[in-house]
Protein backbone atom coordinates (compact mmCIF):
# COMPACT_ATOMS: atom_id res chain seq x y z
CA UNK A 1 -0.02 -0.21 0.08
CA UNK A 2 0.79 3.81 -0.37
CA UNK A 3 1.23 5.74 2.82
CA UNK A 4 1.58 9.47 2.95
CA UNK A 5 3.03 10.66 6.24
CA UNK A 6 3.29 14.03 7.65
CA UNK A 7 5.70 14.79 10.46
CA UNK A 8 6.52 18.38 11.43
CA UNK A 9 9.32 18.16 14.14
CA UNK A 10 12.29 16.21 15.22
CA UNK A 11 10.36 14.11 17.74
CA UNK A 12 7.70 13.41 14.90
CA UNK A 13 10.67 12.20 12.76
CA UNK A 14 11.75 9.67 15.25
CA UNK A 15 8.37 8.07 16.08
CA UNK A 16 7.38 8.39 12.23
CA UNK A 17 10.55 6.57 11.22
CA UNK A 18 10.12 3.68 13.48
CA UNK A 19 6.29 3.39 12.58
CA UNK A 20 7.66 3.03 9.01
CA UNK A 21 9.88 0.36 10.19
CA UNK A 22 6.98 -1.57 11.64
CA UNK A 23 4.84 -1.08 8.47
CA UNK A 24 7.32 -2.57 6.36
CA UNK A 25 7.15 -5.54 8.37
CA UNK A 26 3.32 -5.74 8.29
CA UNK A 27 3.12 -4.70 4.64
CA UNK A 28 6.04 -5.84 2.45
CA UNK A 29 4.88 -3.65 -0.36
CA UNK A 30 4.55 -0.32 1.68
CA UNK A 31 5.64 2.61 -0.11
CA UNK A 32 6.22 6.01 1.47
CA UNK A 33 5.84 9.76 0.60
CA UNK A 34 6.37 11.87 3.53
CA UNK A 35 7.20 15.20 5.29
CA UNK A 36 9.60 14.52 7.82
CA UNK A 37 13.36 14.33 8.61
CA UNK A 38 16.64 12.35 8.27
CA UNK A 39 15.52 9.40 10.24
CA UNK A 40 12.32 8.85 8.11
CA UNK A 41 14.70 9.29 5.06
CA UNK A 42 16.95 6.40 6.14
CA UNK A 43 14.08 4.04 6.34
CA UNK A 44 13.43 4.96 2.64
CA UNK A 45 10.63 6.58 0.48
CA UNK A 46 10.30 10.06 -0.77
CA UNK A 47 10.83 13.28 1.10
CA UNK A 48 8.71 16.01 -0.06
CA UNK A 49 9.91 18.55 2.70
CA UNK A 50 12.20 18.51 5.80
CA UNK A 51 10.57 19.45 9.09
CA UNK A 52 13.09 21.92 9.67
CA UNK A 53 11.51 24.14 6.98
CA UNK A 54 8.16 23.78 8.61
CA UNK A 55 8.78 24.51 12.42
CA UNK A 56 7.28 27.76 13.45
CA UNK A 57 6.46 27.93 17.46
CA UNK A 58 4.36 30.40 19.36
CA UNK A 59 1.54 32.63 18.11
CA UNK A 60 3.60 35.64 17.10
CA UNK A 61 5.95 33.48 15.10
CA UNK A 62 3.01 31.77 13.38
CA UNK A 63 1.61 35.10 12.45
CA UNK A 64 4.84 36.36 10.94
CA UNK A 65 5.41 33.13 8.89
CA UNK A 66 1.68 32.86 7.81
CA UNK A 67 2.19 33.15 4.23
CA UNK A 68 4.96 30.15 3.92
CA UNK A 69 2.54 28.15 6.25
CA UNK A 70 -0.17 28.64 4.07
CA UNK A 71 1.89 27.85 0.77
CA UNK A 72 3.21 24.85 2.53
CA UNK A 73 -0.64 23.56 3.17
CA UNK A 74 -1.69 24.44 -0.60
CA UNK A 75 1.24 22.39 -1.84
CA UNK A 76 0.78 19.46 0.27
CA UNK A 77 -2.86 19.04 -0.61
CA UNK A 78 -1.85 18.93 -4.45
CA UNK A 79 0.77 16.48 -3.50
CA UNK A 80 -1.39 14.13 -1.74
CA UNK A 81 -3.70 14.31 -4.79
CA UNK A 82 -1.08 13.30 -7.04
CA UNK A 83 0.28 10.77 -4.98
CA UNK A 84 -3.07 9.09 -4.33
CA UNK A 85 -2.17 7.15 -1.04
CA UNK A 86 -4.19 4.34 0.48
CA UNK A 87 -3.91 5.88 3.93
CA UNK A 88 -2.54 9.22 5.27
CA UNK A 89 -0.80 9.03 8.48
CA UNK A 90 -0.49 12.15 10.56
CA UNK A 91 2.12 12.68 13.29
CA UNK A 92 1.02 15.20 15.92
CA UNK A 93 1.61 18.69 14.39
CA UNK A 94 -1.77 19.51 14.83
CA UNK A 95 -1.89 23.22 13.12
CA UNK A 96 -1.04 21.69 10.11
CA UNK A 97 -2.08 18.10 10.14
CA UNK A 98 -5.76 19.00 11.16
CA UNK A 99 -6.18 21.01 8.17
CA UNK A 100 -4.88 18.28 5.84
CA UNK A 101 -7.09 15.89 7.72
CA UNK A 102 -10.16 17.82 7.00
CA UNK A 103 -9.16 17.81 3.22
CA UNK A 104 -8.26 14.09 3.05
CA UNK A 105 -11.47 13.35 4.38
CA UNK A 106 -13.31 15.07 1.77
CA UNK A 107 -11.42 13.31 -0.66
CA UNK A 108 -12.19 10.18 0.77
CA UNK A 109 -8.73 9.21 1.88
CA UNK A 110 -8.34 7.35 5.03
CA UNK A 111 -7.01 9.31 7.76
CA UNK A 112 -4.68 7.88 10.58
CA UNK A 113 -3.60 9.96 13.28
CA UNK A 114 -0.49 8.71 15.48
CA UNK A 115 0.09 10.66 18.45
CA UNK A 116 -2.75 12.81 19.56
CA UNK A 117 -2.65 16.52 19.27
CA UNK A 118 -2.60 17.92 23.20
CA UNK A 119 -6.10 19.07 23.03
CA UNK A 120 -6.55 18.15 26.67
CA UNK A 121 -4.21 21.00 27.49
CA UNK A 122 -5.61 23.66 24.99
CA UNK A 123 -7.84 24.15 22.09
CA UNK A 124 -10.34 21.22 23.32
CA UNK A 125 -12.76 22.55 20.56
CA UNK A 126 -10.54 20.60 17.93
CA UNK A 127 -12.37 17.49 19.32
CA UNK A 128 -15.14 18.38 16.59
CA UNK A 129 -12.56 18.48 13.85
CA UNK A 130 -10.98 15.17 15.13
CA UNK A 131 -14.15 13.36 15.32
CA UNK A 132 -15.16 14.64 11.82
CA UNK A 133 -12.08 13.94 10.02
CA UNK A 134 -10.18 11.32 11.68
CA UNK A 135 -10.76 7.73 11.24
CA UNK A 136 -8.53 6.18 13.64
CA UNK A 137 -6.54 7.90 16.39
CA UNK A 138 -3.54 6.34 18.23
CA UNK A 139 -2.87 7.79 21.50
CA UNK A 140 0.31 7.56 23.70
CA UNK A 141 -0.32 8.87 26.99
CA UNK A 142 -2.45 6.83 29.52
CA UNK A 143 -4.76 9.68 30.42
CA UNK A 144 -5.73 10.53 26.54
CA UNK A 145 -8.06 7.35 26.36
CA UNK A 146 -10.25 8.54 29.16
CA UNK A 147 -10.27 12.00 27.63
CA UNK A 148 -11.27 10.68 24.36
CA UNK A 149 -13.66 7.84 25.23
CA UNK A 150 -15.10 9.10 28.38
CA UNK A 151 -15.37 13.00 27.99
CA UNK A 152 -15.99 12.85 24.28
CA UNK A 153 -17.27 9.66 23.35
CA UNK A 154 -14.70 9.02 20.49
CA UNK A 155 -12.94 5.54 20.48
CA UNK A 156 -9.28 5.61 20.53
CA UNK A 157 -6.63 3.08 20.59
CA UNK A 158 -3.94 3.41 23.41
CA UNK A 159 -0.79 1.96 21.99
CA UNK A 160 1.81 3.20 24.60
CA UNK A 161 4.68 5.63 24.54
CA UNK A 162 7.07 5.03 21.37
CA UNK A 163 9.94 6.44 23.43
CA UNK A 164 10.05 3.28 25.30
CA UNK A 165 10.90 1.43 22.21
CA UNK A 166 13.32 4.08 20.80
CA UNK A 167 15.27 3.98 23.93
CA UNK A 168 14.84 0.02 24.57
CA UNK A 169 16.22 -0.61 20.82
CA UNK A 170 19.54 1.42 21.33
CA UNK A 171 22.75 -0.18 21.41
CA UNK A 172 24.71 0.42 24.71
CA UNK A 173 27.45 2.87 24.41
CA UNK A 174 31.02 2.84 25.69
CA UNK A 175 31.37 5.90 28.05
CA UNK A 176 35.17 6.12 27.63
CA UNK A 177 34.85 5.99 23.78
CA UNK A 178 32.02 8.22 23.69
CA UNK A 179 34.09 10.82 25.57
CA UNK A 180 37.29 10.29 23.09
CA UNK A 181 35.25 10.29 19.94
CA UNK A 182 33.51 13.76 21.26
CA UNK A 183 36.56 15.53 22.92
CA UNK A 184 35.29 15.31 26.43
CA UNK A 185 37.05 15.00 29.80
CA UNK A 186 36.77 12.65 32.51
CA UNK A 187 34.50 15.02 34.60
CA UNK A 188 30.83 14.03 35.12
CA UNK A 189 28.72 15.47 32.51
CA UNK A 190 25.68 17.89 33.11
CA UNK A 191 23.74 17.77 29.58
CA UNK A 192 22.07 20.87 27.97
CA UNK A 193 19.13 20.29 25.88
CA UNK A 194 17.99 23.87 24.67
CA UNK A 195 15.35 22.64 22.03
CA UNK A 196 15.71 22.05 18.42
CA UNK A 197 14.47 25.32 16.99
CA UNK A 198 16.88 28.38 16.42
CA UNK A 199 14.51 30.64 18.32
CA UNK A 200 14.07 28.63 21.42
CA UNK A 201 17.72 27.77 21.31
CA UNK A 202 18.52 31.18 21.56
CA UNK A 203 16.61 32.04 24.30
CA UNK A 204 17.26 28.80 26.30
CA UNK A 205 20.97 28.38 25.93
CA UNK A 206 22.44 31.67 27.07
CA UNK A 207 20.94 31.19 30.39
CA UNK A 208 21.98 27.48 30.42
CA UNK A 209 25.58 28.18 29.80
CA UNK A 210 25.83 30.44 32.67
CA UNK A 211 25.86 27.62 35.02
CA UNK A 212 29.30 26.15 33.64
CA UNK A 213 31.55 28.68 35.94
CA UNK A 214 29.40 27.82 38.74
CA UNK A 215 29.71 24.15 38.63
CA UNK A 216 33.34 23.76 37.84
CA UNK A 217 33.60 20.00 38.80
CA UNK A 218 31.37 19.14 35.80
CA UNK A 219 31.66 19.23 32.15
CA UNK A 220 28.51 20.94 30.17
CA UNK A 221 27.75 19.17 26.84
CA UNK A 222 25.01 20.83 24.39
CA UNK A 223 22.88 18.37 22.49
CA UNK A 224 22.86 19.77 19.26
CA UNK A 225 19.63 19.23 17.09
CA UNK A 226 20.05 17.18 14.01
CA UNK A 227 18.46 20.44 12.04
CA UNK A 228 21.10 22.74 13.19
CA UNK A 229 24.60 23.40 12.29
CA UNK A 230 27.46 23.15 14.90
CA UNK A 231 28.54 26.69 14.12
CA UNK A 232 25.13 28.24 15.20
CA UNK A 233 25.94 27.00 18.71
CA UNK A 234 29.70 28.45 18.89
CA UNK A 235 28.16 31.97 19.35
CA UNK A 236 26.97 31.28 22.71
CA UNK A 237 29.90 29.78 24.16
CA UNK A 238 32.50 31.71 26.11
CA UNK A 239 33.61 29.11 28.75
CA UNK A 240 36.08 26.29 28.31
CA UNK A 241 34.39 23.40 30.03
CA UNK A 242 31.75 23.33 27.07
CA UNK A 243 31.36 20.73 24.39
CA UNK A 244 28.78 20.14 21.95
CA UNK A 245 27.59 17.06 20.24
CA UNK A 246 25.26 17.01 17.36
CA UNK A 247 22.39 14.36 16.89
CA UNK A 248 23.60 12.41 19.57
CA UNK A 249 21.09 13.19 22.23
CA UNK A 250 20.47 9.73 23.56
CA UNK A 251 24.06 8.68 23.81
CA UNK A 252 24.68 11.77 25.60
CA UNK A 253 21.77 11.22 27.92
CA UNK A 254 23.10 7.58 28.79
CA UNK A 255 26.10 9.06 30.21
CA UNK A 256 24.94 12.44 31.69
CA UNK A 257 24.83 12.78 35.73
CA UNK A 258 22.19 15.63 35.26
CA UNK A 259 20.35 17.75 32.50
CA UNK A 260 18.87 21.20 31.93
CA UNK A 261 15.97 20.36 29.58
CA UNK A 262 13.89 22.92 27.24
CA UNK A 263 10.24 21.77 27.80
CA UNK A 264 8.85 19.42 25.26
CA UNK A 265 9.46 15.81 24.32
CA UNK A 266 12.88 15.71 25.71
CA UNK A 267 11.75 16.13 29.33
CA UNK A 268 10.00 12.67 28.80
CA UNK A 269 13.19 11.18 27.15
CA UNK A 270 15.53 12.49 29.90
CA UNK A 271 13.48 10.85 32.52
CA UNK A 272 13.33 7.41 30.66
CA UNK A 273 17.13 7.59 30.66
CA UNK A 274 16.82 8.18 34.57
CA UNK A 275 18.92 11.46 34.47
CA UNK A 276 17.88 14.04 37.16
CA UNK A 277 16.59 17.24 35.26
CA UNK A 278 15.47 20.92 35.56
CA UNK A 279 12.64 21.39 32.96
CA UNK A 280 13.10 25.04 31.61
CA UNK A 281 10.96 27.17 29.37
CA UNK A 282 11.03 30.78 28.18
CA UNK A 283 9.18 32.00 24.86
CA UNK A 284 8.13 35.08 23.25
CA UNK A 285 6.47 37.32 25.69
CA UNK A 286 3.29 37.81 23.64
CA UNK A 287 2.90 34.17 22.76
CA UNK A 288 3.60 33.14 26.44
CA UNK A 289 1.06 35.57 27.92
CA UNK A 290 -1.70 34.37 25.29
CA UNK A 291 -0.88 30.77 25.94
CA UNK A 292 -1.01 31.21 29.60
CA UNK A 293 -4.56 32.17 29.39
CA UNK A 294 -5.61 29.53 26.99
CA UNK A 295 -3.63 26.33 28.22
CA UNK A 296 -5.48 24.38 30.73
CA UNK A 297 -2.78 22.17 32.79
CA UNK A 298 -1.17 22.14 35.69
CA UNK A 299 2.34 21.29 34.38
CA UNK A 300 4.35 21.81 31.32
CA UNK A 301 6.41 18.72 31.41
CA UNK A 302 5.21 15.58 30.26
CA UNK A 303 6.86 14.04 33.26
CA UNK A 304 4.63 15.84 35.52
CA UNK A 305 1.63 15.58 33.55
CA UNK A 306 1.62 11.90 33.21
CA UNK A 307 2.15 11.38 37.07
CA UNK A 308 -0.19 14.28 37.90
CA UNK A 309 2.51 15.43 40.60
CA UNK A 310 5.64 17.93 40.52
CA UNK A 311 8.28 15.18 40.07
CA UNK A 312 10.79 17.54 38.17
CA UNK A 313 11.13 21.21 38.98
CA UNK A 314 9.66 23.68 35.84
CA UNK A 315 11.20 26.91 35.53
CA UNK A 316 8.94 28.94 33.39
CA UNK A 317 9.54 32.53 31.86
CA UNK A 318 10.58 34.84 34.63
CA UNK A 319 11.40 31.76 36.80
CA UNK A 320 13.88 30.77 34.24
CA UNK A 321 16.79 32.81 35.38
CA UNK A 322 20.45 32.35 36.44
CA UNK A 323 19.61 32.22 40.50
CA UNK A 324 16.80 29.88 40.29
CA UNK A 325 18.68 27.62 37.80
CA UNK A 326 21.75 27.38 40.00
CA UNK A 327 19.67 26.55 43.18
CA UNK A 328 17.58 23.90 41.15
CA UNK A 329 20.79 22.27 39.37
CA UNK A 330 22.59 22.07 43.13
CA UNK A 331 19.40 20.21 44.29
CA UNK A 332 19.35 17.40 41.75
CA UNK A 333 22.93 17.03 42.07
CA UNK A 334 22.61 15.87 45.77
CA UNK A 335 22.46 12.02 46.26
CA UNK A 336 19.13 11.95 48.24
CA UNK A 337 17.24 14.08 45.75
CA UNK A 338 18.40 11.84 43.26
CA UNK A 339 17.27 8.45 44.57
CA UNK A 340 13.78 10.02 45.31
CA UNK A 341 13.48 11.16 41.76
CA UNK A 342 14.74 7.65 40.39
CA UNK A 343 11.94 6.07 42.25
CA UNK A 344 9.44 8.46 40.53
CA UNK A 345 10.94 7.82 37.08
CA UNK A 346 10.42 4.10 37.36
CA UNK A 347 6.73 4.78 38.45
CA UNK A 348 6.67 6.97 35.22
CA UNK A 349 7.97 4.14 32.99
CA UNK A 350 5.05 1.72 34.46
CA UNK A 351 2.32 4.37 33.65
CA UNK A 352 3.58 4.55 30.02
CA UNK A 353 2.26 0.87 28.98
CA UNK A 354 5.01 -0.71 28.00
CA UNK A 355 6.96 -1.41 24.80
CA UNK A 356 5.65 -2.03 21.32
CA UNK A 357 3.82 1.36 20.15
CA UNK A 358 5.20 1.31 16.74
CA UNK A 359 4.56 -2.36 16.30
CA UNK A 360 0.75 -2.11 17.85
CA UNK A 361 0.02 1.11 15.72
CA UNK A 362 1.31 -0.54 12.20
CA UNK A 363 -0.79 -3.64 12.96
CA UNK A 364 -3.73 -1.34 13.65
CA UNK A 365 -3.09 0.91 10.46
CA UNK A 366 -2.87 -2.09 8.16
CA UNK A 367 -6.22 -3.44 9.53
CA UNK A 368 -7.99 -0.47 9.35
CA UNK A 369 -6.73 0.84 5.77
């Protein structure tokens, strides 16, 4: 069968690539055309656009780039009709994908939605579009099934979280070899995960790097996003005990003592690697003030949302400053604090429903296509 897949960011590229691998097992004649990234390209098929050309975050940024976004939507619709897929698979990225879902439904193309938009947090009225335009929804967070089925009478498939598969499927690395290959020293590592988009990296990294001279017994290593050139990071660096690794976030987390992490999927990834973390977020002030009034959740990190309690500290907007970050980093480097966090990380893993999300979803997609 022919599958048209749309993923608009780095995490979607990862999960879509693993889904594609699983689909190839279920369907030996699977043919892919997609919007995504390098990981999806490695699996095979035809890439239409790279996610780094699609990612605009925040209200102000979307408005500034509205013409580009609308042109992308127009081109995507045309491309789908020309390809004539047996199934359209949408991966998160709701602002774009829900528009495409409506178009596909009108043209009698089966719509599968893998990784639900976070409508339980904001824009809950999107449930009307989802019920109208999505044939099959695959959710990855345990509370999402209750939200859809009990609150909105819309049956969904809870398949577990694909990060469990991505992490479990990794080959173990040798810490000494990793350090040597990436120019690191013998000091314990504090990982810096400032995000994947230039605008968020610029806001987050300058504050994160101020910790380096305050924690001289550690080396700070920036997890460079696959869509960014290493030269972009260099302009933020002025201290000697700082290094950069590009597109090696999982390897870095597997050898890290602690991490400073920009809010997003990376907070969950860090927790699943059992790395104590401080969650950070600072966005465009206009976008933040609008979002603050619209978002209906107690926490911004998936770790805290899933467990419904504050497991990791969240420093948001004005709270994300040099003084607070230093205090919180000092705390998570304390042995007793780390032990408490480890126990709650294992609780988190149990709540996510076990491995096999990609395989479960692939079987359901082939069944309902």
